[in-house]
Amino acid sequence: MSDLPAAIEEKVQHMLPRNLLHDLRTPLGHVLGYSELLIDQLNDAGHEEFVPYAEKIRKAARELLVMMAENFQSSHAGDAESHAPPPIEAPSKDARAIS
């Protein structure tokens, strides 16, 4: 299987869905925001015939965000650190001596 020690492999597998969720949710949030902006600008410019296309984009982005929340976040519901960044470790004495 893997050459990694079991503890490291388990930690990586545990973190992967959180990182994946963030990496997917962020651009979807941008797509959602841009589609809402586009809808407003199309309405203001009098191009209502294009609004349904932008609404389809917005609807699809919302549906994907909901699916991701249901499928990924529920697996980390009991994890208190699921939204916290990893702690920053202080440099060791050896590292401070080098710099």
PDB file of N, CA and C in Angstrom:
ATOM      1  N   MET A   1       0.814  -1.194   0.000  1.00  0.00           N
ATOM      2  CA  MET A   1       0.000   0.000   0.000  1.00  0.00           C
ATOM      3  C   MET A   1       0.859   1.259   0.000  1.00  0.00           C
ATOM      4  N   SER A   2       1.089   1.802   1.179  1.00  0.00           N
ATOM      5  CA  SER A   2       1.822   3.049   1.277  1.00  0.00           C
ATOM      6  C   SER A   2       3.080   2.844   2.103  1.00  0.00           C
ATOM      7  N   ASP A   3       4.093   3.640   1.829  1.00  0.00           N
ATOM      8  CA  ASP A   3       5.331   3.568   2.595  1.00  0.00           C
ATOM      9  C   ASP A   3       5.281   4.474   3.827  1.00  0.00           C
ATOM     10  N   LEU A   4       4.187   5.214   4.000  1.00  0.00           N
ATOM     11  CA  LEU A   4       4.052   6.111   5.143  1.00  0.00           C
ATOM     12  C   LEU A   4       3.684   5.340   6.394  1.00  0.00           C
ATOM     13  N   PRO A   5       4.149   5.797   7.556  1.00  0.00           N
ATOM     14  CA  PRO A   5       3.693   5.186   8.801  1.00  0.00           C
ATOM     15  C   PRO A   5       2.180   5.351   8.938  1.00  0.00           C
ATOM     16  N   ALA A   6       1.546   4.421   9.631  1.00  0.00           N
ATOM     17  CA  ALA A   6       0.081   4.404   9.743  1.00  0.00           C
ATOM     18  C   ALA A   6      -0.473   5.704  10.323  1.00  0.00           C
ATOM     19  N   ALA A   7       0.183   6.286  11.316  1.00  0.00           N
ATOM     20  CA  ALA A   7      -0.320   7.514  11.947  1.00  0.00           C
ATOM     21  C   ALA A   7      -0.325   8.676  10.964  1.00  0.00           C
ATOM     22  N   ILE A   8       0.717   8.778  10.160  1.00  0.00           N
ATOM     23  CA  ILE A   8       0.793   9.864   9.177  1.00  0.00           C
ATOM     24  C   ILE A   8      -0.239   9.648   8.077  1.00  0.00           C
ATOM     25  N   GLU A   9      -0.363   8.416   7.622  1.00  0.00           N
ATOM     26  CA  GLU A   9      -1.338   8.118   6.570  1.00  0.00           C
ATOM     27  C   GLU A   9      -2.758   8.425   7.037  1.00  0.00           C
ATOM     28  N   GLU A  10      -3.091   8.092   8.287  1.00  0.00           N
ATOM     29  CA  GLU A  10      -4.428   8.374   8.828  1.00  0.00           C
ATOM     30  C   GLU A  10      -4.670   9.876   8.905  1.00  0.00           C
ATOM     31  N   LYS A  11      -3.661  10.634   9.327  1.00  0.00           N
ATOM     32  CA  LYS A  11      -3.799  12.090   9.429  1.00  0.00           C
ATOM     33  C   LYS A  11      -4.018  12.718   8.053  1.00  0.00           C
ATOM     34  N   VAL A  12      -3.270  12.241   7.057  1.00  0.00           N
ATOM     35  CA  VAL A  12      -3.422  12.768   5.696  1.00  0.00           C
ATOM     36  C   VAL A  12      -4.816  12.455   5.169  1.00  0.00           C
ATOM     37  N   GLN A  13      -5.290  11.229   5.380  1.00  0.00           N
ATOM     38  CA  GLN A  13      -6.624  10.858   4.919  1.00  0.00           C
ATOM     39  C   GLN A  13      -7.694  11.671   5.630  1.00  0.00           C
ATOM     40  N   HIS A  14      -7.469  12.014   6.897  1.00  0.00           N
ATOM     41  CA  HIS A  14      -8.439  12.805   7.653  1.00  0.00           C
ATOM     42  C   HIS A  14      -8.472  14.253   7.161  1.00  0.00           C
ATOM     43  N   MET A  15      -7.321  14.791   6.779  1.00  0.00           N
ATOM     44  CA  MET A  15      -7.244  16.183   6.346  1.00  0.00           C
ATOM     45  C   MET A  15      -7.666  16.374   4.899  1.00  0.00           C
ATOM     46  N   LEU A  16      -7.524  15.345   4.078  1.00  0.00           N
ATOM     47  CA  LEU A  16      -7.804  15.482   2.657  1.00  0.00           C
ATOM     48  C   LEU A  16      -9.204  16.013   2.375  1.00  0.00           C
ATOM     49  N   PRO A  17     -10.270  15.450   2.958  1.00  0.00           N
ATOM     50  CA  PRO A  17     -11.593  15.991   2.648  1.00  0.00           C
ATOM     51  C   PRO A  17     -11.760  17.461   3.039  1.00  0.00           C
ATOM     52  N   ARG A  18     -11.160  17.886   4.157  1.00  0.00           N
ATOM     53  CA  ARG A  18     -11.268  19.298   4.548  1.00  0.00           C
ATOM     54  C   ARG A  18     -10.573  20.186   3.535  1.00  0.00           C
ATOM     55  N   ASN A  19      -9.376  19.814   3.146  1.00  0.00           N
ATOM     56  CA  ASN A  19      -8.642  20.619   2.165  1.00  0.00           C
ATOM     57  C   ASN A  19      -9.358  20.613   0.820  1.00  0.00           C
ATOM     58  N   LEU A  20      -9.853  19.462   0.435  1.00  0.00           N
ATOM     59  CA  LEU A  20     -10.589  19.349  -0.816  1.00  0.00           C
ATOM     60  C   LEU A  20     -11.846  20.204  -0.775  1.00  0.00           C
ATOM     61  N   LEU A  21     -12.555  20.160   0.342  1.00  0.00           N
ATOM     62  CA  LEU A  21     -13.761  20.967   0.488  1.00  0.00           C
ATOM     63  C   LEU A  21     -13.437  22.452   0.322  1.00  0.00           C
ATOM     64  N   HIS A  22     -12.389  22.901   0.968  1.00  0.00           N
ATOM     65  CA  HIS A  22     -12.007  24.314   0.851  1.00  0.00           C
ATOM     66  C   HIS A  22     -11.615  24.661  -0.576  1.00  0.00           C
ATOM     67  N   ASP A  23     -10.840  23.793  -1.206  1.00  0.00           N
ATOM     68  CA  ASP A  23     -10.367  24.058  -2.566  1.00  0.00           C
ATOM     69  C   ASP A  23     -11.491  24.063  -3.587  1.00  0.00           C
ATOM     70  N   LEU A  24     -12.566  23.360  -3.315  1.00  0.00           N
ATOM     71  CA  LEU A  24     -13.712  23.360  -4.219  1.00  0.00           C
ATOM     72  C   LEU A  24     -14.711  24.463  -3.876  1.00  0.00           C
ATOM     73  N   ARG A  25     -14.906  24.704  -2.582  1.00  0.00           N
ATOM     74  CA  ARG A  25     -15.904  25.683  -2.149  1.00  0.00           C
ATOM     75  C   ARG A  25     -15.495  27.107  -2.525  1.00  0.00           C
ATOM     76  N   THR A  26     -14.231  27.412  -2.453  1.00  0.00           N
ATOM     77  CA  THR A  26     -13.773  28.777  -2.734  1.00  0.00           C
ATOM     78  C   THR A  26     -14.088  29.217  -4.164  1.00  0.00           C
ATOM     79  N   PRO A  27     -13.697  28.463  -5.198  1.00  0.00           N
ATOM     80  CA  PRO A  27     -14.051  28.922  -6.547  1.00  0.00           C
ATOM     81  C   PRO A  27     -15.543  28.887  -6.816  1.00  0.00           C
ATOM     82  N   LEU A  28     -16.260  27.948  -6.179  1.00  0.00           N
ATOM     83  CA  LEU A  28     -17.715  27.941  -6.361  1.00  0.00           C
ATOM     84  C   LEU A  28     -18.346  29.194  -5.765  1.00  0.00           C
ATOM     85  N   GLY A  29     -17.803  29.643  -4.660  1.00  0.00           N
ATOM     86  CA  GLY A  29     -18.283  30.900  -4.073  1.00  0.00           C
ATOM     87  C   GLY A  29     -18.051  32.073  -5.011  1.00  0.00           C
ATOM     88  N   HIS A  30     -16.931  32.050  -5.703  1.00  0.00           N
ATOM     89  CA  HIS A  30     -16.642  33.110  -6.681  1.00  0.00           C
ATOM     90  C   HIS A  30     -17.604  33.035  -7.868  1.00  0.00           C
ATOM     91  N   VAL A  31     -17.886  31.821  -8.336  1.00  0.00           N
ATOM     92  CA  VAL A  31     -18.834  31.650  -9.443  1.00  0.00           C
ATOM     93  C   VAL A  31     -20.210  32.157  -9.021  1.00  0.00           C
ATOM     94  N   LEU A  32     -20.601  31.828  -7.802  1.00  0.00           N
ATOM     95  CA  LEU A  32     -21.897  32.272  -7.295  1.00  0.00           C
ATOM     96  C   LEU A  32     -21.963  33.799  -7.220  1.00  0.00           C
ATOM     97  N   GLY A  33     -20.941  34.399  -6.666  1.00  0.00           N
ATOM     98  CA  GLY A  33     -20.912  35.859  -6.559  1.00  0.00           C
ATOM     99  C   GLY A  33     -20.877  36.546  -7.911  1.00  0.00           C
ATOM    100  N   TYR A  34     -20.090  36.003  -8.824  1.00  0.00           N
ATOM    101  CA  TYR A  34     -19.999  36.598 -10.156  1.00  0.00           C
ATOM    102  C   TYR A  34     -21.327  36.469 -10.889  1.00  0.00           C
ATOM    103  N   SER A  35     -22.000  35.335 -10.739  1.00  0.00           N
ATOM    104  CA  SER A  35     -23.286  35.170 -11.430  1.00  0.00           C
ATOM    105  C   SER A  35     -24.324  36.148 -10.885  1.00  0.00           C
ATOM    106  N   GLU A  36     -24.286  36.399  -9.580  1.00  0.00           N
ATOM    107  CA  GLU A  36     -25.220  37.375  -9.002  1.00  0.00           C
ATOM    108  C   GLU A  36     -24.914  38.782  -9.510  1.00  0.00           C
ATOM    109  N   LEU A  37     -23.655  39.119  -9.598  1.00  0.00           N
ATOM    110  CA  LEU A  37     -23.252  40.414 -10.146  1.00  0.00           C
ATOM    111  C   LEU A  37     -23.678  40.531 -11.602  1.00  0.00           C
ATOM    112  N   LEU A  38     -23.483  39.458 -12.354  1.00  0.00           N
ATOM    113  CA  LEU A  38     -23.859  39.439 -13.768  1.00  0.00           C
ATOM    114  C   LEU A  38     -25.363  39.630 -13.942  1.00  0.00           C
ATOM    115  N   ILE A  39     -26.155  38.998 -13.099  1.00  0.00           N
ATOM    116  CA  ILE A  39     -27.614  39.144 -13.162  1.00  0.00           C
ATOM    117  C   ILE A  39     -27.998  40.601 -12.930  1.00  0.00           C
ATOM    118  N   ASP A  40     -27.404  41.221 -11.918  1.00  0.00           N
ATOM    119  CA  ASP A  40     -27.697  42.638 -11.638  1.00  0.00           C
ATOM    120  C   ASP A  40     -27.310  43.525 -12.824  1.00  0.00           C
ATOM    121  N   GLN A  41     -26.132  43.288 -13.391  1.00  0.00           N
ATOM    122  CA  GLN A  41     -25.675  44.118 -14.506  1.00  0.00           C
ATOM    123  C   GLN A  41     -26.512  43.889 -15.762  1.00  0.00           C
ATOM    124  N   LEU A  42     -26.922  42.652 -15.990  1.00  0.00           N
ATOM    125  CA  LEU A  42     -27.780  42.385 -17.153  1.00  0.00           C
ATOM    126  C   LEU A  42     -29.124  43.086 -17.004  1.00  0.00           C
ATOM    127  N   ASN A  43     -29.689  43.048 -15.816  1.00  0.00           N
ATOM    128  CA  ASN A  43     -30.962  43.737 -15.574  1.00  0.00           C
ATOM    129  C   ASN A  43     -30.812  45.247 -15.736  1.00  0.00           C
ATOM    130  N   ASP A  44     -29.726  45.801 -15.190  1.00  0.00           N
ATOM    131  CA  ASP A  44     -29.500  47.245 -15.280  1.00  0.00           C
ATOM    132  C   ASP A  44     -29.268  47.704 -16.716  1.00  0.00           C
ATOM    133  N   ALA A  45     -28.630  46.847 -17.519  1.00  0.00           N
ATOM    134  CA  ALA A  45     -28.314  47.208 -18.901  1.00  0.00           C
ATOM    135  C   ALA A  45     -29.468  46.921 -19.857  1.00  0.00           C
ATOM    136  N   GLY A  46     -30.543  46.334 -19.337  1.00  0.00           N
ATOM    137  CA  GLY A  46     -31.695  46.053 -20.190  1.00  0.00           C
ATOM    138  C   GLY A  46     -31.558  44.790 -21.019  1.00  0.00           C
ATOM    139  N   HIS A  47     -30.711  43.893 -20.606  1.00  0.00           N
ATOM    140  CA  HIS A  47     -30.514  42.633 -21.338  1.00  0.00           C
ATOM    141  C   HIS A  47     -31.155  41.475 -20.582  1.00  0.00           C
ATOM    142  N   GLU A  48     -32.443  41.633 -20.291  1.00  0.00           N
ATOM    143  CA  GLU A  48     -33.146  40.624 -19.511  1.00  0.00           C
ATOM    144  C   GLU A  48     -33.203  39.264 -20.197  1.00  0.00           C
ATOM    145  N   GLU A  49     -33.017  39.225 -21.501  1.00  0.00           N
ATOM    146  CA  GLU A  49     -33.080  37.947 -22.222  1.00  0.00           C
ATOM    147  C   GLU A  49     -31.921  37.013 -21.838  1.00  0.00           C
ATOM    148  N   PHE A  50     -30.837  37.567 -21.265  1.00  0.00           N
ATOM    149  CA  PHE A  50     -29.694  36.753 -20.866  1.00  0.00           C
ATOM    150  C   PHE A  50     -29.726  36.367 -19.389  1.00  0.00           C
ATOM    151  N   VAL A  51     -30.626  36.958 -18.623  1.00  0.00           N
ATOM    152  CA  VAL A  51     -30.706  36.696 -17.188  1.00  0.00           C
ATOM    153  C   VAL A  51     -30.971  35.219 -16.879  1.00  0.00           C
ATOM    154  N   PRO A  52     -31.852  34.525 -17.612  1.00  0.00           N
ATOM    155  CA  PRO A  52     -32.074  33.116 -17.291  1.00  0.00           C
ATOM    156  C   PRO A  52     -30.802  32.260 -17.380  1.00  0.00           C
ATOM    157  N   TYR A  53     -29.888  32.586 -18.271  1.00  0.00           N
ATOM    158  CA  TYR A  53     -28.639  31.832 -18.380  1.00  0.00           C
ATOM    159  C   TYR A  53     -27.761  32.051 -17.132  1.00  0.00           C
ATOM    160  N   ALA A  54     -27.672  33.296 -16.691  1.00  0.00           N
ATOM    161  CA  ALA A  54     -26.900  33.595 -15.484  1.00  0.00           C
ATOM    162  C   ALA A  54     -27.562  32.973 -14.250  1.00  0.00           C
ATOM    163  N   GLU A  55     -28.895  32.914 -14.238  1.00  0.00           N
ATOM    164  CA  GLU A  55     -29.600  32.285 -13.120  1.00  0.00           C
ATOM    165  C   GLU A  55     -29.347  30.778 -13.082  1.00  0.00           C
ATOM    166  N   LYS A  56     -29.202  30.153 -14.249  1.00  0.00           N
ATOM    167  CA  LYS A  56     -28.857  28.729 -14.288  1.00  0.00           C
ATOM    168  C   LYS A  56     -27.483  28.491 -13.681  1.00  0.00           C
ATOM    169  N   ILE A  57     -26.553  29.384 -13.972  1.00  0.00           N
ATOM    170  CA  ILE A  57     -25.204  29.273 -13.411  1.00  0.00           C
ATOM    171  C   ILE A  57     -25.270  29.419 -11.895  1.00  0.00           C
ATOM    172  N   ARG A  58     -26.003  30.421 -11.433  1.00  0.00           N
ATOM    173  CA  ARG A  58     -26.139  30.657  -9.994  1.00  0.00           C
ATOM    174  C   ARG A  58     -26.793  29.473  -9.308  1.00  0.00           C
ATOM    175  N   LYS A  59     -27.840  28.930  -9.899  1.00  0.00           N
ATOM    176  CA  LYS A  59     -28.541  27.791  -9.317  1.00  0.00           C
ATOM    177  C   LYS A  59     -27.630  26.562  -9.237  1.00  0.00           C
ATOM    178  N   ALA A  60     -26.867  26.303 -10.293  1.00  0.00           N
ATOM    179  CA  ALA A  60     -25.969  25.152 -10.304  1.00  0.00           C
ATOM    180  C   ALA A  60     -24.876  25.303  -9.237  1.00  0.00           C
ATOM    181  N   ALA A  61     -24.344  26.496  -9.086  1.00  0.00           N
ATOM    182  CA  ALA A  61     -23.301  26.734  -8.077  1.00  0.00           C
ATOM    183  C   ALA A  61     -23.868  26.526  -6.680  1.00  0.00           C
ATOM    184  N   ARG A  62     -25.075  27.020  -6.422  1.00  0.00           N
ATOM    185  CA  ARG A  62     -25.699  26.818  -5.103  1.00  0.00           C
ATOM    186  C   ARG A  62     -25.950  25.345  -4.832  1.00  0.00           C
ATOM    187  N   GLU A  63     -26.420  24.620  -5.835  1.00  0.00           N
ATOM    188  CA  GLU A  63     -26.684  23.189  -5.652  1.00  0.00           C
ATOM    189  C   GLU A  63     -25.398  22.429  -5.342  1.00  0.00           C
ATOM    190  N   LEU A  64     -24.315  22.779  -6.022  1.00  0.00           N
ATOM    191  CA  LEU A  64     -23.041  22.125  -5.744  1.00  0.00           C
ATOM    192  C   LEU A  64     -22.541  22.447  -4.337  1.00  0.00           C
ATOM    193  N   LEU A  65     -22.702  23.686  -3.907  1.00  0.00           N
ATOM    194  CA  LEU A  65     -22.291  24.044  -2.548  1.00  0.00           C
ATOM    195  C   LEU A  65     -23.102  23.280  -1.504  1.00  0.00           C
ATOM    196  N   VAL A  66     -24.393  23.123  -1.744  1.00  0.00           N
ATOM    197  CA  VAL A  66     -25.244  22.376  -0.814  1.00  0.00           C
ATOM    198  C   VAL A  66     -24.825  20.904  -0.776  1.00  0.00           C
ATOM    199  N   MET A  67     -24.592  20.317  -1.947  1.00  0.00           N
ATOM    200  CA  MET A  67     -24.162  18.916  -1.991  1.00  0.00           C
ATOM    201  C   MET A  67     -22.838  18.720  -1.270  1.00  0.00           C
ATOM    202  N   MET A  68     -21.919  19.638  -1.454  1.00  0.00           N
ATOM    203  CA  MET A  68     -20.630  19.532  -0.785  1.00  0.00           C
ATOM    204  C   MET A  68     -20.800  19.649   0.724  1.00  0.00           C
ATOM    205  N   ALA A  69     -21.640  20.568   1.156  1.00  0.00           N
ATOM    206  CA  ALA A  69     -21.869  20.734   2.591  1.00  0.00           C
ATOM    207  C   ALA A  69     -22.486  19.475   3.189  1.00  0.00           C
ATOM    208  N   GLU A  70     -23.421  18.885   2.488  1.00  0.00           N
ATOM    209  CA  GLU A  70     -24.081  17.674   2.991  1.00  0.00           C
ATOM    210  C   GLU A  70     -23.129  16.490   3.028  1.00  0.00           C
ATOM    211  N   ASN A  71     -22.270  16.352   2.031  1.00  0.00           N
ATOM    212  CA  ASN A  71     -21.437  15.165   1.913  1.00  0.00           C
ATOM    213  C   ASN A  71     -20.086  15.272   2.603  1.00  0.00           C
ATOM    214  N   PHE A  72     -19.512  16.451   2.669  1.00  0.00           N
ATOM    215  CA  PHE A  72     -18.193  16.578   3.273  1.00  0.00           C
ATOM    216  C   PHE A  72     -18.261  17.054   4.711  1.00  0.00           C
ATOM    217  N   GLN A  73     -19.011  18.115   4.971  1.00  0.00           N
ATOM    218  CA  GLN A  73     -19.012  18.697   6.302  1.00  0.00           C
ATOM    219  C   GLN A  73     -19.642  17.785   7.336  1.00  0.00           C
ATOM    220  N   SER A  74     -20.588  16.947   6.937  1.00  0.00           N
ATOM    221  CA  SER A  74     -21.208  16.054   7.902  1.00  0.00           C
ATOM    222  C   SER A  74     -20.202  15.047   8.437  1.00  0.00           C
ATOM    223  N   SER A  75     -19.203  14.698   7.635  1.00  0.00           N
ATOM    224  CA  SER A  75     -18.194  13.749   8.104  1.00  0.00           C
ATOM    225  C   SER A  75     -17.252  14.383   9.119  1.00  0.00           C
ATOM    226  N   HIS A  76     -17.243  15.707   9.208  1.00  0.00           N
ATOM    227  CA  HIS A  76     -16.395  16.409  10.167  1.00  0.00           C
ATOM    228  C   HIS A  76     -17.219  17.184  11.186  1.00  0.00           C
ATOM    229  N   ALA A  77     -18.493  16.841  11.346  1.00  0.00           N
ATOM    230  CA  ALA A  77     -19.365  17.600  12.240  1.00  0.00           C
ATOM    231  C   ALA A  77     -18.860  17.579  13.673  1.00  0.00           C
ATOM    232  N   GLY A  78     -18.314  16.474  14.115  1.00  0.00           N
ATOM    233  CA  GLY A  78     -17.816  16.384  15.479  1.00  0.00           C
ATOM    234  C   GLY A  78     -16.393  16.852  15.637  1.00  0.00           C
ATOM    235  N   ASP A  79     -15.774  17.248  14.589  1.00  0.00           N
ATOM    236  CA  ASP A  79     -14.381  17.669  14.619  1.00  0.00           C
ATOM    237  C   ASP A  79     -14.316  19.152  14.947  1.00  0.00           C
ATOM    238  N   ALA A  80     -13.884  19.485  16.138  1.00  0.00           N
ATOM    239  CA  ALA A  80     -13.856  20.888  16.573  1.00  0.00           C
ATOM    240  C   ALA A  80     -12.848  21.704  15.785  1.00  0.00           C
ATOM    241  N   GLU A  81     -11.853  21.044  15.215  1.00  0.00           N
ATOM    242  CA  GLU A  81     -10.811  21.767  14.493  1.00  0.00           C
ATOM    243  C   GLU A  81     -11.097  21.861  13.005  1.00  0.00           C
ATOM    244  N   SER A  82     -12.285  21.463  12.560  1.00  0.00           N
ATOM    245  CA  SER A  82     -12.530  21.391  11.123  1.00  0.00           C
ATOM    246  C   SER A  82     -12.442  22.742  10.426  1.00  0.00           C
ATOM    247  N   HIS A  83     -12.679  23.823  11.145  1.00  0.00           N
ATOM    248  CA  HIS A  83     -12.609  25.140  10.509  1.00  0.00           C
ATOM    249  C   HIS A  83     -11.432  25.963  11.012  1.00  0.00           C
ATOM    250  N   ALA A  84     -10.641  25.396  11.907  1.00  0.00           N
ATOM    251  CA  ALA A  84      -9.505  26.119  12.454  1.00  0.00           C
ATOM    252  C   ALA A  84      -8.258  25.817  11.638  1.00  0.00           C
ATOM    253  N   PRO A  85      -7.428  26.820  11.396  1.00  0.00           N
ATOM    254  CA  PRO A  85      -6.180  26.560  10.684  1.00  0.00           C
ATOM    255  C   PRO A  85      -5.244  25.750  11.575  1.00  0.00           C
ATOM    256  N   PRO A  86      -4.299  25.037  10.975  1.00  0.00           N
ATOM    257  CA  PRO A  86      -3.367  24.264  11.793  1.00  0.00           C
ATOM    258  C   PRO A  86      -2.525  25.192  12.654  1.00  0.00           C
ATOM    259  N   PRO A  87      -2.155  24.752  13.856  1.00  0.00           N
ATOM    260  CA  PRO A  87      -1.355  25.619  14.727  1.00  0.00           C
ATOM    261  C   PRO A  87       0.037  25.840  14.140  1.00  0.00           C
ATOM    262  N   ILE A  88       0.588  27.006  14.425  1.00  0.00           N
ATOM    263  CA  ILE A  88       1.936  27.335  13.960  1.00  0.00           C
ATOM    264  C   ILE A  88       2.895  26.981  15.082  1.00  0.00           C
ATOM    265  N   GLU A  89       3.865  26.156  14.758  1.00  0.00           N
ATOM    266  CA  GLU A  89       4.830  25.737  15.758  1.00  0.00           C
ATOM    267  C   GLU A  89       5.945  26.761  15.864  1.00  0.00           C
ATOM    268  N   ALA A  90       6.404  26.981  17.086  1.00  0.00           N
ATOM    269  CA  ALA A  90       7.517  27.891  17.305  1.00  0.00           C
ATOM    270  C   ALA A  90       8.791  27.229  16.806  1.00  0.00           C
ATOM    271  N   PRO A  91       9.701  28.018  16.275  1.00  0.00           N
ATOM    272  CA  PRO A  91      10.955  27.422  15.804  1.00  0.00           C
ATOM    273  C   PRO A  91      11.727  26.818  16.970  1.00  0.00           C
ATOM    274  N   SER A  92      12.424  25.733  16.688  1.00  0.00           N
ATOM    275  CA  SER A  92      13.227  25.090  17.735  1.00  0.00           C
ATOM    276  C   SER A  92      14.447  25.949  18.053  1.00  0.00           C
ATOM    277  N   LYS A  93      15.120  25.620  19.141  1.00  0.00           N
ATOM    278  CA  LYS A  93      16.334  26.368  19.521  1.00  0.00           C
ATOM    279  C   LYS A  93      17.391  26.253  18.415  1.00  0.00           C
ATOM    280  N   ASP A  94      17.477  25.064  17.789  1.00  0.00           N
ATOM    281  CA  ASP A  94      18.446  24.867  16.722  1.00  0.00           C
ATOM    282  C   ASP A  94      18.158  25.779  15.534  1.00  0.00           C
ATOM    283  N   ALA A  95      16.887  25.940  15.188  1.00  0.00           N
ATOM    284  CA  ALA A  95      16.524  26.792  14.069  1.00  0.00           C
ATOM    285  C   ALA A  95      16.811  28.256  14.373  1.00  0.00           C
ATOM    286  N   ARG A  96      16.605  28.662  15.628  1.00  0.00           N
ATOM    287  CA  ARG A  96      16.884  30.051  16.006  1.00  0.00           C
ATOM    288  C   ARG A  96      18.382  30.321  15.999  1.00  0.00           C
ATOM    289  N   ALA A  97      19.162  29.337  16.345  1.00  0.00           N
ATOM    290  CA  ALA A  97      20.615  29.519  16.370  1.00  0.00           C
ATOM    291  C   ALA A  97      21.167  29.677  14.961  1.00  0.00           C
ATOM    292  N   ILE A  98      20.546  29.023  13.973  1.00  0.00           N
ATOM    293  CA  ILE A  98      21.013  29.113  12.597  1.00  0.00           C
ATOM    294  C   ILE A  98      20.743  30.483  12.012  1.00  0.00           C
ATOM    295  N   SER A  99      19.613  31.080  12.350  1.00  0.00           N
ATOM    296  CA  SER A  99      19.259  32.378  11.772  1.00  0.00           C
ATOM    297  C   SER A  99      19.861  33.465  12.555  1.00  0.00           C
TER     298      SER A  99
END
